[in-house]
Amino acid sequence: MPDPAWRRVVVCAAHPDDEVLGVGGAMALLAAAGVELVHVAVTDGEASHPGNPVLAPAQLAAAREAESGAALAALGVSPVDAVRLRLPDSGVAAHEDRLVEELVPRVLGADLVLATWTGDGHPDHEAVGRAALVAAARAGVPVAQYPVWAWHWSHPGDPRLPWDRARAVALPPGVQAAKRAALDCFTTQVRPLGPDPAVLPPEVLAHAHRDHEVLW
């Protein structure tokens, strides 16, 4: 990865930061190869800190949008065609049909769609994965799915993960460093926000700091 014949890749993320956690390194490699990237953020991630006294949901959504832009710049993939669908965080499954309709024209003509995995263990991630599969099938575009939360509940060789379909994407040291810098941009997630602990503490980020990424 990347394939020298690729011209456009669409990356679907349920929340701002999923794309960097799962395929930030792959995105950096694609951008460096001259591939046009389309980043589709399905939600704004406004529900990551319910009841937080520091940032209300609308403020959190704006903060996470800004963090996503900074992270993509850190990866070297900015400017990027960024699409924000603003579906409700934690409620994507209820809007799956609409999501399919939103995705079809955006994936049409792409060489590949990257989307969160349908077995990831988070309902929004799984809904985005299902919708991406349907939309890409309608458009005749292949899909590769990336795990995010699966790394937290699985173990090495876990039979619940489709290892027979796994493909590792090796990340050179420079790309690893860029991905770390990109993840650091998600301040609302990697640091405490008022009384709330970090959503992505070091032990969680460790899964994203490896020298490779995995696609199904």
N, C-alpha and C. Protein backbone atom coordinates (compact mmCIF):
# COMPACT_ATOMS: atom_id res chain seq x y z
N MET A 1 0.85 -1.19 0.00
CA MET A 1 0.00 0.00 0.00
C MET A 1 0.90 1.25 0.00
N PRO A 2 0.59 2.23 -0.82
CA PRO A 2 -0.53 2.35 -1.76
C PRO A 2 -0.25 1.68 -3.10
N ASP A 3 -1.32 1.40 -3.82
CA ASP A 3 -1.23 0.88 -5.17
C ASP A 3 -0.91 2.06 -6.09
N PRO A 4 0.10 1.93 -6.95
CA PRO A 4 0.46 3.07 -7.82
C PRO A 4 -0.64 3.49 -8.78
N ALA A 5 -1.64 2.63 -8.97
CA ALA A 5 -2.74 2.97 -9.87
C ALA A 5 -3.83 3.78 -9.18
N TRP A 6 -3.79 3.86 -7.86
CA TRP A 6 -4.85 4.57 -7.14
C TRP A 6 -4.75 6.07 -7.35
N ARG A 7 -5.91 6.70 -7.48
CA ARG A 7 -5.98 8.15 -7.63
C ARG A 7 -6.79 8.81 -6.51
N ARG A 8 -7.81 8.11 -6.00
CA ARG A 8 -8.67 8.69 -4.96
C ARG A 8 -9.10 7.62 -3.97
N VAL A 9 -8.96 7.91 -2.69
CA VAL A 9 -9.37 7.00 -1.61
C VAL A 9 -10.27 7.75 -0.65
N VAL A 10 -11.38 7.16 -0.28
CA VAL A 10 -12.32 7.76 0.65
C VAL A 10 -12.16 7.09 2.01
N VAL A 11 -11.95 7.90 3.05
CA VAL A 11 -11.76 7.39 4.41
C VAL A 11 -12.97 7.78 5.24
N CYS A 12 -13.69 6.77 5.75
CA CYS A 12 -14.89 7.01 6.54
C CYS A 12 -14.60 6.79 8.02
N ALA A 13 -14.90 7.78 8.84
CA ALA A 13 -14.67 7.69 10.28
C ALA A 13 -15.96 7.98 11.02
N ALA A 14 -16.27 7.18 12.02
CA ALA A 14 -17.48 7.42 12.80
C ALA A 14 -17.35 8.68 13.62
N HIS A 15 -16.16 8.93 14.16
CA HIS A 15 -15.89 10.10 15.00
C HIS A 15 -14.57 10.72 14.60
N PRO A 16 -14.39 12.02 14.80
CA PRO A 16 -13.08 12.62 14.57
C PRO A 16 -12.07 11.95 15.50
N ASP A 17 -11.07 11.38 14.96
CA ASP A 17 -9.93 10.66 15.56
C ASP A 17 -9.91 9.19 15.17
N ASP A 18 -11.07 8.59 14.80
CA ASP A 18 -11.05 7.19 14.39
C ASP A 18 -10.11 6.96 13.22
N GLU A 19 -10.13 7.89 12.26
CA GLU A 19 -9.30 7.70 11.06
C GLU A 19 -7.81 7.73 11.40
N VAL A 20 -7.42 8.58 12.35
CA VAL A 20 -6.00 8.66 12.71
C VAL A 20 -5.61 7.45 13.55
N LEU A 21 -6.45 7.06 14.50
CA LEU A 21 -6.17 5.88 15.30
C LEU A 21 -6.01 4.63 14.44
N GLY A 22 -6.90 4.47 13.47
CA GLY A 22 -6.91 3.24 12.68
C GLY A 22 -6.03 3.23 11.46
N VAL A 23 -6.04 4.34 10.70
CA VAL A 23 -5.31 4.35 9.42
C VAL A 23 -4.57 5.66 9.19
N GLY A 24 -4.19 6.35 10.27
CA GLY A 24 -3.45 7.60 10.09
C GLY A 24 -2.17 7.39 9.31
N GLY A 25 -1.46 6.31 9.60
CA GLY A 25 -0.23 6.04 8.87
C GLY A 25 -0.49 5.73 7.41
N ALA A 26 -1.51 4.94 7.14
CA ALA A 26 -1.87 4.63 5.75
C ALA A 26 -2.26 5.89 5.00
N MET A 27 -2.98 6.78 5.66
CA MET A 27 -3.35 8.04 5.02
C MET A 27 -2.11 8.86 4.67
N ALA A 28 -1.15 8.90 5.57
CA ALA A 28 0.09 9.63 5.29
C ALA A 28 0.81 9.02 4.09
N LEU A 29 0.86 7.70 4.02
CA LEU A 29 1.51 7.03 2.89
C LEU A 29 0.78 7.32 1.58
N LEU A 30 -0.54 7.29 1.63
CA LEU A 30 -1.33 7.58 0.43
C LEU A 30 -1.10 9.01 -0.04
N ALA A 31 -1.14 9.95 0.89
CA ALA A 31 -0.93 11.35 0.52
C ALA A 31 0.44 11.57 -0.07
N ALA A 32 1.45 10.93 0.51
CA ALA A 32 2.82 11.08 0.01
C ALA A 32 2.96 10.52 -1.40
N ALA A 33 2.10 9.56 -1.74
CA ALA A 33 2.13 8.96 -3.08
C ALA A 33 1.28 9.75 -4.08
N GLY A 34 0.70 10.85 -3.63
CA GLY A 34 -0.09 11.70 -4.52
C GLY A 34 -1.53 11.28 -4.68
N VAL A 35 -2.02 10.41 -3.79
CA VAL A 35 -3.41 9.97 -3.86
C VAL A 35 -4.31 11.03 -3.24
N GLU A 36 -5.40 11.36 -3.91
CA GLU A 36 -6.38 12.30 -3.36
C GLU A 36 -7.16 11.60 -2.25
N LEU A 37 -7.24 12.22 -1.10
CA LEU A 37 -7.97 11.65 0.03
C LEU A 37 -9.24 12.43 0.29
N VAL A 38 -10.31 11.71 0.51
CA VAL A 38 -11.58 12.30 0.94
C VAL A 38 -11.84 11.77 2.35
N HIS A 39 -11.98 12.67 3.31
CA HIS A 39 -12.21 12.29 4.70
C HIS A 39 -13.66 12.56 5.06
N VAL A 40 -14.41 11.51 5.35
CA VAL A 40 -15.81 11.64 5.72
C VAL A 40 -15.95 11.40 7.22
N ALA A 41 -16.25 12.46 7.98
CA ALA A 41 -16.52 12.35 9.41
C ALA A 41 -18.03 12.22 9.58
N VAL A 42 -18.48 11.07 10.02
CA VAL A 42 -19.92 10.81 10.08
C VAL A 42 -20.57 11.57 11.22
N THR A 43 -19.93 11.62 12.38
CA THR A 43 -20.43 12.44 13.49
C THR A 43 -19.35 13.43 13.88
N ASP A 44 -19.71 14.37 14.74
CA ASP A 44 -18.73 15.33 15.24
C ASP A 44 -18.16 14.91 16.59
N GLY A 45 -18.56 13.74 17.09
CA GLY A 45 -18.03 13.26 18.36
C GLY A 45 -18.48 14.04 19.57
N GLU A 46 -19.67 14.64 19.47
CA GLU A 46 -20.13 15.53 20.53
C GLU A 46 -20.56 14.81 21.80
N ALA A 47 -20.67 13.48 21.74
CA ALA A 47 -21.14 12.72 22.91
C ALA A 47 -20.02 12.04 23.69
N SER A 48 -18.77 12.42 23.42
CA SER A 48 -17.67 11.72 24.09
C SER A 48 -17.57 12.05 25.57
N HIS A 49 -18.14 13.21 25.99
CA HIS A 49 -18.06 13.62 27.40
C HIS A 49 -19.44 14.10 27.88
N PRO A 50 -20.39 13.19 28.02
CA PRO A 50 -21.74 13.63 28.42
C PRO A 50 -21.73 14.32 29.78
N GLY A 51 -22.41 15.47 29.84
CA GLY A 51 -22.52 16.21 31.09
C GLY A 51 -21.26 16.93 31.51
N ASN A 52 -20.29 17.06 30.62
CA ASN A 52 -19.04 17.71 30.99
C ASN A 52 -19.25 19.19 31.29
N PRO A 53 -18.73 19.70 32.42
CA PRO A 53 -18.95 21.11 32.78
C PRO A 53 -18.04 22.08 32.04
N VAL A 54 -17.04 21.58 31.34
CA VAL A 54 -16.10 22.45 30.64
C VAL A 54 -16.58 22.77 29.23
N LEU A 55 -17.00 21.74 28.50
CA LEU A 55 -17.46 21.93 27.13
C LEU A 55 -18.83 21.30 26.94
N ALA A 56 -19.79 22.09 26.50
CA ALA A 56 -21.10 21.57 26.13
C ALA A 56 -20.96 20.79 24.81
N PRO A 57 -21.94 19.96 24.46
CA PRO A 57 -21.81 19.16 23.24
C PRO A 57 -21.47 19.96 21.99
N ALA A 58 -22.10 21.11 21.78
CA ALA A 58 -21.81 21.91 20.58
C ALA A 58 -20.37 22.42 20.60
N GLN A 59 -19.90 22.82 21.78
CA GLN A 59 -18.52 23.27 21.89
C GLN A 59 -17.54 22.13 21.67
N LEU A 60 -17.89 20.97 22.18
CA LEU A 60 -17.04 19.80 22.01
C LEU A 60 -16.96 19.41 20.54
N ALA A 61 -18.09 19.49 19.84
CA ALA A 61 -18.11 19.18 18.41
C ALA A 61 -17.17 20.11 17.65
N ALA A 62 -17.22 21.40 17.95
CA ALA A 62 -16.34 22.36 17.29
C ALA A 62 -14.88 22.09 17.61
N ALA A 63 -14.62 21.75 18.87
CA ALA A 63 -13.24 21.45 19.28
C ALA A 63 -12.71 20.23 18.55
N ARG A 64 -13.53 19.20 18.45
CA ARG A 64 -13.07 17.97 17.81
C ARG A 64 -12.89 18.16 16.30
N GLU A 65 -13.69 19.01 15.70
CA GLU A 65 -13.50 19.32 14.28
C GLU A 65 -12.16 20.00 14.07
N ALA A 66 -11.84 20.96 14.94
CA ALA A 66 -10.55 21.65 14.84
C ALA A 66 -9.39 20.69 15.09
N GLU A 67 -9.55 19.80 16.07
CA GLU A 67 -8.51 18.82 16.36
C GLU A 67 -8.26 17.91 15.16
N SER A 68 -9.33 17.50 14.50
CA SER A 68 -9.21 16.63 13.34
C SER A 68 -8.42 17.32 12.23
N GLY A 69 -8.72 18.59 12.00
CA GLY A 69 -7.99 19.33 10.97
C GLY A 69 -6.51 19.44 11.29
N ALA A 70 -6.19 19.72 12.56
CA ALA A 70 -4.79 19.81 12.97
C ALA A 70 -4.10 18.46 12.84
N ALA A 71 -4.80 17.38 13.16
CA ALA A 71 -4.21 16.05 13.08
C ALA A 71 -3.91 15.67 11.63
N LEU A 72 -4.82 15.98 10.73
CA LEU A 72 -4.59 15.67 9.33
C LEU A 72 -3.41 16.47 8.79
N ALA A 73 -3.28 17.71 9.23
CA ALA A 73 -2.13 18.51 8.83
C ALA A 73 -0.83 17.89 9.35
N ALA A 74 -0.86 17.39 10.59
CA ALA A 74 0.33 16.75 11.17
C ALA A 74 0.73 15.51 10.39
N LEU A 75 -0.26 14.84 9.79
CA LEU A 75 0.02 13.66 8.98
C LEU A 75 0.52 14.01 7.59
N GLY A 76 0.41 15.27 7.22
CA GLY A 76 0.82 15.67 5.88
C GLY A 76 -0.24 15.43 4.83
N VAL A 77 -1.49 15.30 5.25
CA VAL A 77 -2.56 15.05 4.28
C VAL A 77 -3.50 16.24 4.17
N SER A 78 -3.07 17.39 4.63
CA SER A 78 -3.87 18.61 4.55
C SER A 78 -3.25 19.53 3.50
N PRO A 79 -4.05 20.17 2.63
CA PRO A 79 -5.51 20.15 2.66
C PRO A 79 -6.07 18.82 2.15
N VAL A 80 -7.23 18.45 2.68
CA VAL A 80 -7.90 17.23 2.30
C VAL A 80 -9.36 17.57 2.07
N ASP A 81 -10.00 16.82 1.20
CA ASP A 81 -11.43 17.02 0.96
C ASP A 81 -12.18 16.48 2.18
N ALA A 82 -12.57 17.37 3.08
CA ALA A 82 -13.19 16.96 4.34
C ALA A 82 -14.71 17.12 4.27
N VAL A 83 -15.42 16.06 4.59
CA VAL A 83 -16.88 16.04 4.56
C VAL A 83 -17.37 15.74 5.98
N ARG A 84 -18.27 16.57 6.50
CA ARG A 84 -18.84 16.34 7.83
C ARG A 84 -20.33 16.12 7.68
N LEU A 85 -20.78 14.92 8.01
CA LEU A 85 -22.19 14.58 7.84
C LEU A 85 -23.03 14.94 9.05
N ARG A 86 -22.41 15.12 10.20
CA ARG A 86 -23.08 15.58 11.42
C ARG A 86 -24.26 14.71 11.85
N LEU A 87 -24.13 13.41 11.66
CA LEU A 87 -25.12 12.50 12.24
C LEU A 87 -24.90 12.44 13.75
N PRO A 88 -25.91 12.06 14.52
CA PRO A 88 -25.77 12.09 15.97
C PRO A 88 -24.77 11.08 16.51
N ASP A 89 -23.85 11.58 17.30
CA ASP A 89 -22.87 10.71 17.96
C ASP A 89 -23.61 9.73 18.86
N SER A 90 -23.23 8.47 18.79
CA SER A 90 -23.84 7.36 19.53
C SER A 90 -25.20 6.96 18.97
N GLY A 91 -25.58 7.52 17.81
CA GLY A 91 -26.87 7.18 17.23
C GLY A 91 -26.83 6.93 15.74
N VAL A 92 -25.66 6.55 15.22
CA VAL A 92 -25.51 6.40 13.76
C VAL A 92 -26.40 5.28 13.23
N ALA A 93 -26.53 4.19 13.98
CA ALA A 93 -27.29 3.04 13.48
C ALA A 93 -28.73 3.41 13.13
N ALA A 94 -29.29 4.37 13.84
CA ALA A 94 -30.67 4.78 13.56
C ALA A 94 -30.77 5.57 12.26
N HIS A 95 -29.65 5.97 11.70
CA HIS A 95 -29.63 6.78 10.48
C HIS A 95 -28.82 6.09 9.38
N GLU A 96 -28.73 4.77 9.46
CA GLU A 96 -27.86 4.02 8.54
C GLU A 96 -28.28 4.16 7.09
N ASP A 97 -29.59 4.13 6.82
CA ASP A 97 -30.05 4.27 5.44
C ASP A 97 -29.65 5.62 4.87
N ARG A 98 -29.83 6.66 5.68
CA ARG A 98 -29.42 8.00 5.22
C ARG A 98 -27.92 8.04 4.97
N LEU A 99 -27.16 7.39 5.84
CA LEU A 99 -25.71 7.38 5.68
C LEU A 99 -25.31 6.73 4.37
N VAL A 100 -25.96 5.64 4.04
CA VAL A 100 -25.67 4.99 2.75
C VAL A 100 -25.88 5.96 1.60
N GLU A 101 -27.02 6.67 1.64
CA GLU A 101 -27.32 7.62 0.55
C GLU A 101 -26.31 8.76 0.51
N GLU A 102 -25.82 9.18 1.65
CA GLU A 102 -24.80 10.24 1.69
C GLU A 102 -23.46 9.74 1.13
N LEU A 103 -23.17 8.46 1.37
CA LEU A 103 -21.86 7.94 0.98
C LEU A 103 -21.77 7.58 -0.50
N VAL A 104 -22.85 7.11 -1.08
CA VAL A 104 -22.79 6.61 -2.47
C VAL A 104 -22.17 7.62 -3.42
N PRO A 105 -22.65 8.88 -3.49
CA PRO A 105 -22.04 9.80 -4.45
C PRO A 105 -20.60 10.17 -4.11
N ARG A 106 -20.23 10.01 -2.84
CA ARG A 106 -18.87 10.38 -2.43
C ARG A 106 -17.86 9.28 -2.70
N VAL A 107 -18.32 8.03 -2.75
CA VAL A 107 -17.39 6.94 -3.04
C VAL A 107 -17.37 6.58 -4.52
N LEU A 108 -18.33 7.08 -5.26
CA LEU A 108 -18.41 6.78 -6.69
C LEU A 108 -17.12 7.22 -7.38
N GLY A 109 -16.50 6.32 -8.09
CA GLY A 109 -15.28 6.64 -8.82
C GLY A 109 -14.00 6.53 -8.01
N ALA A 110 -14.13 6.22 -6.72
CA ALA A 110 -12.94 6.05 -5.88
C ALA A 110 -12.26 4.71 -6.20
N ASP A 111 -11.01 4.60 -5.84
CA ASP A 111 -10.28 3.35 -6.02
C ASP A 111 -10.40 2.44 -4.80
N LEU A 112 -10.68 3.05 -3.64
CA LEU A 112 -10.77 2.28 -2.41
C LEU A 112 -11.54 3.09 -1.38
N VAL A 113 -12.28 2.39 -0.52
CA VAL A 113 -12.92 2.99 0.64
C VAL A 113 -12.33 2.36 1.89
N LEU A 114 -11.88 3.19 2.83
CA LEU A 114 -11.43 2.72 4.13
C LEU A 114 -12.49 3.10 5.15
N ALA A 115 -12.94 2.14 5.94
CA ALA A 115 -14.02 2.41 6.89
C ALA A 115 -13.81 1.59 8.16
N THR A 116 -14.40 2.07 9.25
CA THR A 116 -14.32 1.34 10.51
C THR A 116 -14.95 -0.05 10.35
N TRP A 117 -14.44 -1.00 11.13
CA TRP A 117 -14.80 -2.41 10.99
C TRP A 117 -16.18 -2.70 11.55
N THR A 118 -16.91 -3.55 10.84
CA THR A 118 -18.28 -3.91 11.24
C THR A 118 -18.32 -4.76 12.51
N GLY A 119 -17.19 -5.25 12.98
CA GLY A 119 -17.17 -6.04 14.22
C GLY A 119 -16.41 -5.36 15.32
N ASP A 120 -16.26 -4.04 15.26
CA ASP A 120 -15.33 -3.33 16.12
C ASP A 120 -15.74 -3.24 17.58
N GLY A 121 -17.01 -3.48 17.88
CA GLY A 121 -17.44 -3.41 19.27
C GLY A 121 -17.96 -2.06 19.71
N HIS A 122 -18.05 -1.11 18.80
CA HIS A 122 -18.68 0.19 19.07
C HIS A 122 -19.80 0.35 18.05
N PRO A 123 -21.05 0.63 18.49
CA PRO A 123 -22.17 0.66 17.55
C PRO A 123 -22.01 1.66 16.42
N ASP A 124 -21.44 2.83 16.69
CA ASP A 124 -21.23 3.80 15.61
C ASP A 124 -20.21 3.28 14.60
N HIS A 125 -19.12 2.71 15.08
CA HIS A 125 -18.09 2.18 14.19
C HIS A 125 -18.69 1.10 13.29
N GLU A 126 -19.47 0.22 13.90
CA GLU A 126 -20.04 -0.89 13.14
C GLU A 126 -21.06 -0.40 12.12
N ALA A 127 -21.86 0.59 12.50
CA ALA A 127 -22.86 1.14 11.56
C ALA A 127 -22.18 1.80 10.37
N VAL A 128 -21.11 2.53 10.62
CA VAL A 128 -20.38 3.17 9.53
C VAL A 128 -19.78 2.10 8.61
N GLY A 129 -19.24 1.04 9.21
CA GLY A 129 -18.69 -0.04 8.39
C GLY A 129 -19.75 -0.68 7.51
N ARG A 130 -20.92 -0.95 8.08
CA ARG A 130 -21.99 -1.56 7.28
C ARG A 130 -22.44 -0.64 6.15
N ALA A 131 -22.62 0.64 6.48
CA ALA A 131 -23.08 1.60 5.46
C ALA A 131 -22.04 1.75 4.36
N ALA A 132 -20.77 1.75 4.72
CA ALA A 132 -19.71 1.88 3.72
C ALA A 132 -19.71 0.67 2.79
N LEU A 133 -19.93 -0.51 3.34
CA LEU A 133 -19.97 -1.71 2.50
C LEU A 133 -21.12 -1.63 1.49
N VAL A 134 -22.29 -1.19 1.96
CA VAL A 134 -23.44 -1.10 1.05
C VAL A 134 -23.21 -0.03 -0.01
N ALA A 135 -22.75 1.15 0.41
CA ALA A 135 -22.53 2.24 -0.53
C ALA A 135 -21.46 1.87 -1.55
N ALA A 136 -20.38 1.27 -1.09
CA ALA A 136 -19.29 0.92 -2.00
C ALA A 136 -19.73 -0.17 -2.98
N ALA A 137 -20.56 -1.10 -2.51
CA ALA A 137 -21.06 -2.14 -3.41
C ALA A 137 -21.91 -1.53 -4.52
N ARG A 138 -22.72 -0.55 -4.15
CA ARG A 138 -23.54 0.12 -5.17
C ARG A 138 -22.68 0.85 -6.19
N ALA A 139 -21.55 1.39 -5.70
CA ALA A 139 -20.67 2.17 -6.58
C ALA A 139 -19.61 1.31 -7.25
N GLY A 140 -19.53 0.03 -6.89
CA GLY A 140 -18.54 -0.86 -7.48
C GLY A 140 -17.12 -0.56 -7.04
N VAL A 141 -16.96 -0.19 -5.75
CA VAL A 141 -15.65 0.19 -5.21
C VAL A 141 -15.27 -0.78 -4.10
N PRO A 142 -14.02 -1.25 -4.06
CA PRO A 142 -13.61 -2.15 -2.97
C PRO A 142 -13.50 -1.43 -1.63
N VAL A 143 -13.64 -2.19 -0.55
CA VAL A 143 -13.59 -1.65 0.80
C VAL A 143 -12.56 -2.41 1.62
N ALA A 144 -11.79 -1.67 2.40
CA ALA A 144 -10.94 -2.25 3.43
C ALA A 144 -11.38 -1.65 4.75
N GLN A 145 -11.53 -2.49 5.77
CA GLN A 145 -12.01 -2.00 7.06
C GLN A 145 -10.88 -1.99 8.08
N TYR A 146 -10.94 -1.02 8.98
CA TYR A 146 -9.88 -0.90 9.99
C TYR A 146 -10.47 -0.99 11.39
N PRO A 147 -9.85 -1.77 12.27
CA PRO A 147 -10.30 -1.84 13.66
C PRO A 147 -9.78 -0.67 14.47
N VAL A 148 -10.56 -0.26 15.46
CA VAL A 148 -10.14 0.78 16.41
C VAL A 148 -10.32 0.24 17.83
N TRP A 149 -11.58 0.05 18.23
CA TRP A 149 -11.84 -0.44 19.59
C TRP A 149 -11.52 -1.93 19.75
N ALA A 150 -11.49 -2.66 18.65
CA ALA A 150 -11.21 -4.10 18.75
C ALA A 150 -9.88 -4.38 19.44
N TRP A 151 -8.92 -3.48 19.28
CA TRP A 151 -7.62 -3.70 19.92
C TRP A 151 -7.74 -3.67 21.44
N HIS A 152 -8.77 -3.03 21.95
CA HIS A 152 -8.89 -2.89 23.40
C HIS A 152 -9.54 -4.12 24.06
N TRP A 153 -10.38 -4.83 23.31
CA TRP A 153 -11.06 -5.97 23.92
C TRP A 153 -10.56 -7.32 23.42
N SER A 154 -9.68 -7.32 22.44
CA SER A 154 -9.19 -8.58 21.89
C SER A 154 -7.82 -8.92 22.47
N HIS A 155 -7.29 -10.05 22.07
CA HIS A 155 -5.96 -10.47 22.49
C HIS A 155 -5.23 -11.04 21.28
N PRO A 156 -3.90 -11.16 21.31
CA PRO A 156 -3.16 -11.68 20.17
C PRO A 156 -3.69 -13.04 19.70
N GLY A 157 -3.96 -13.12 18.41
CA GLY A 157 -4.50 -14.35 17.84
C GLY A 157 -5.96 -14.59 18.14
N ASP A 158 -6.66 -13.61 18.68
CA ASP A 158 -8.06 -13.74 19.06
C ASP A 158 -8.89 -14.24 17.86
N PRO A 159 -9.58 -15.39 18.01
CA PRO A 159 -10.34 -15.93 16.88
C PRO A 159 -11.56 -15.10 16.49
N ARG A 160 -11.92 -14.12 17.32
CA ARG A 160 -13.05 -13.26 16.98
C ARG A 160 -12.68 -12.24 15.90
N LEU A 161 -11.41 -12.09 15.62
CA LEU A 161 -10.95 -11.17 14.59
C LEU A 161 -10.62 -11.95 13.31
N PRO A 162 -10.94 -11.39 12.14
CA PRO A 162 -10.78 -12.12 10.88
C PRO A 162 -9.33 -12.10 10.37
N TRP A 163 -8.46 -12.81 11.07
CA TRP A 163 -7.04 -12.79 10.71
C TRP A 163 -6.78 -13.31 9.31
N ASP A 164 -7.65 -14.18 8.81
CA ASP A 164 -7.43 -14.71 7.46
C ASP A 164 -7.58 -13.64 6.39
N ARG A 165 -8.20 -12.53 6.75
CA ARG A 165 -8.36 -11.42 5.79
C ARG A 165 -7.47 -10.23 6.14
N ALA A 166 -6.61 -10.39 7.13
CA ALA A 166 -5.82 -9.26 7.62
C ALA A 166 -4.67 -8.92 6.67
N ARG A 167 -4.44 -7.65 6.55
CA ARG A 167 -3.28 -7.16 5.80
C ARG A 167 -2.60 -6.09 6.64
N ALA A 168 -1.31 -6.26 6.86
CA ALA A 168 -0.55 -5.29 7.65
C ALA A 168 0.03 -4.22 6.74
N VAL A 169 -0.06 -2.98 7.17
CA VAL A 169 0.55 -1.85 6.45
C VAL A 169 1.72 -1.37 7.30
N ALA A 170 2.93 -1.59 6.82
CA ALA A 170 4.13 -1.19 7.56
C ALA A 170 4.27 0.32 7.55
N LEU A 171 4.63 0.89 8.70
CA LEU A 171 4.79 2.33 8.83
C LEU A 171 6.26 2.66 9.08
N PRO A 172 6.90 3.38 8.18
CA PRO A 172 8.28 3.81 8.40
C PRO A 172 8.37 4.71 9.64
N PRO A 173 9.56 4.85 10.23
CA PRO A 173 9.69 5.65 11.45
C PRO A 173 9.14 7.07 11.32
N GLY A 174 9.36 7.72 10.18
CA GLY A 174 8.85 9.08 10.00
C GLY A 174 7.34 9.13 10.03
N VAL A 175 6.70 8.13 9.47
CA VAL A 175 5.24 8.07 9.48
C VAL A 175 4.73 7.77 10.89
N GLN A 176 5.43 6.91 11.61
CA GLN A 176 5.05 6.64 13.00
C GLN A 176 5.10 7.93 13.83
N ALA A 177 6.16 8.71 13.62
CA ALA A 177 6.29 9.97 14.37
C ALA A 177 5.18 10.94 14.00
N ALA A 178 4.84 11.01 12.72
CA ALA A 178 3.76 11.90 12.28
C ALA A 178 2.43 11.45 12.88
N LYS A 179 2.22 10.15 12.98
CA LYS A 179 0.96 9.65 13.55
C LYS A 179 0.89 9.99 15.04
N ARG A 180 2.00 9.86 15.75
CA ARG A 180 2.01 10.24 17.17
C ARG A 180 1.67 11.73 17.33
N ALA A 181 2.27 12.55 16.48
CA ALA A 181 1.99 13.99 16.54
C ALA A 181 0.53 14.28 16.23
N ALA A 182 -0.02 13.53 15.29
CA ALA A 182 -1.42 13.73 14.93
C ALA A 182 -2.34 13.34 16.09
N LEU A 183 -2.03 12.24 16.75
CA LEU A 183 -2.86 11.81 17.88
C LEU A 183 -2.78 12.81 19.04
N ASP A 184 -1.64 13.43 19.21
CA ASP A 184 -1.49 14.44 20.25
C ASP A 184 -2.39 15.66 20.02
N CYS A 185 -2.83 15.85 18.77
CA CYS A 185 -3.70 16.98 18.45
C CYS A 185 -5.10 16.84 19.06
N PHE A 186 -5.48 15.61 19.41
CA PHE A 186 -6.84 15.38 19.94
C PHE A 186 -6.85 15.64 21.44
N THR A 187 -6.68 16.89 21.80
CA THR A 187 -6.53 17.27 23.21
C THR A 187 -7.73 16.86 24.04
N THR A 188 -8.93 16.99 23.51
CA THR A 188 -10.12 16.66 24.30
C THR A 188 -10.21 15.17 24.59
N GLN A 189 -9.47 14.37 23.85
CA GLN A 189 -9.56 12.92 24.00
C GLN A 189 -8.36 12.32 24.75
N VAL A 190 -7.19 12.88 24.55
CA VAL A 190 -5.98 12.27 25.12
C VAL A 190 -5.60 12.87 26.47
N ARG A 191 -6.31 13.93 26.89
CA ARG A 191 -6.06 14.54 28.20
C ARG A 191 -7.37 14.66 28.96
N PRO A 192 -7.30 14.75 30.28
CA PRO A 192 -8.54 14.96 31.04
C PRO A 192 -9.23 16.25 30.61
N LEU A 193 -10.55 16.21 30.64
CA LEU A 193 -11.34 17.40 30.32
C LEU A 193 -12.17 17.72 31.55
N GLY A 194 -11.68 18.68 32.33
CA GLY A 194 -12.33 18.96 33.60
C GLY A 194 -12.25 17.73 34.50
N PRO A 195 -13.38 17.31 35.07
CA PRO A 195 -13.36 16.14 35.96
C PRO A 195 -13.30 14.80 35.23
N ASP A 196 -13.46 14.83 33.91
CA ASP A 196 -13.50 13.58 33.14
C ASP A 196 -12.08 13.13 32.78
N PRO A 197 -11.78 11.85 32.98
CA PRO A 197 -10.46 11.35 32.58
C PRO A 197 -10.33 11.30 31.07
N ALA A 198 -9.12 11.10 30.61
CA ALA A 198 -8.87 11.00 29.17
C ALA A 198 -9.63 9.82 28.58
N VAL A 199 -10.26 10.04 27.44
CA VAL A 199 -10.94 8.97 26.72
C VAL A 199 -9.91 8.02 26.13
N LEU A 200 -8.77 8.59 25.71
CA LEU A 200 -7.69 7.81 25.10
C LEU A 200 -6.44 7.93 25.96
N PRO A 201 -6.38 7.20 27.07
CA PRO A 201 -5.19 7.25 27.93
C PRO A 201 -4.02 6.52 27.26
N PRO A 202 -2.81 6.62 27.83
CA PRO A 202 -1.63 6.01 27.20
C PRO A 202 -1.77 4.54 26.87
N GLU A 203 -2.42 3.77 27.73
CA GLU A 203 -2.53 2.33 27.46
C GLU A 203 -3.43 2.05 26.25
N VAL A 204 -4.35 2.95 25.96
CA VAL A 204 -5.18 2.81 24.77
C VAL A 204 -4.42 3.28 23.54
N LEU A 205 -3.74 4.41 23.66
CA LEU A 205 -2.97 4.94 22.54
C LEU A 205 -1.85 4.00 22.12
N ALA A 206 -1.37 3.17 23.04
CA ALA A 206 -0.28 2.25 22.72
C ALA A 206 -0.62 1.37 21.52
N HIS A 207 -1.90 1.03 21.36
CA HIS A 207 -2.31 0.21 20.23
C HIS A 207 -2.11 0.95 18.90
N ALA A 208 -2.20 2.26 18.93
CA ALA A 208 -2.05 3.06 17.71
C ALA A 208 -0.61 3.49 17.47
N HIS A 209 0.27 3.20 18.41
CA HIS A 209 1.67 3.63 18.30
C HIS A 209 2.58 2.54 17.76
N ARG A 210 2.00 1.51 17.19
CA ARG A 210 2.81 0.41 16.67
C ARG A 210 3.41 0.76 15.31
N ASP A 211 4.28 -0.11 14.83
CA ASP A 211 4.97 0.16 13.57
C ASP A 211 4.20 -0.35 12.35
N HIS A 212 2.93 -0.67 12.57
CA HIS A 212 2.09 -1.13 11.45
C HIS A 212 0.63 -0.87 11.79
N GLU A 213 -0.18 -0.90 10.77
CA GLU A 213 -1.64 -0.85 10.92
C GLU A 213 -2.22 -2.08 10.25
N VAL A 214 -3.43 -2.45 10.65
CA VAL A 214 -4.07 -3.66 10.13
C VAL A 214 -5.37 -3.29 9.44
N LEU A 215 -5.56 -3.88 8.27
CA LEU A 215 -6.79 -3.73 7.52
C LEU A 215 -7.39 -5.10 7.29
N TRP A 216 -8.74 -5.15 7.32
CA TRP A 216 -9.42 -6.39 6.95
C TRP A 216 -9.90 -6.24 5.52
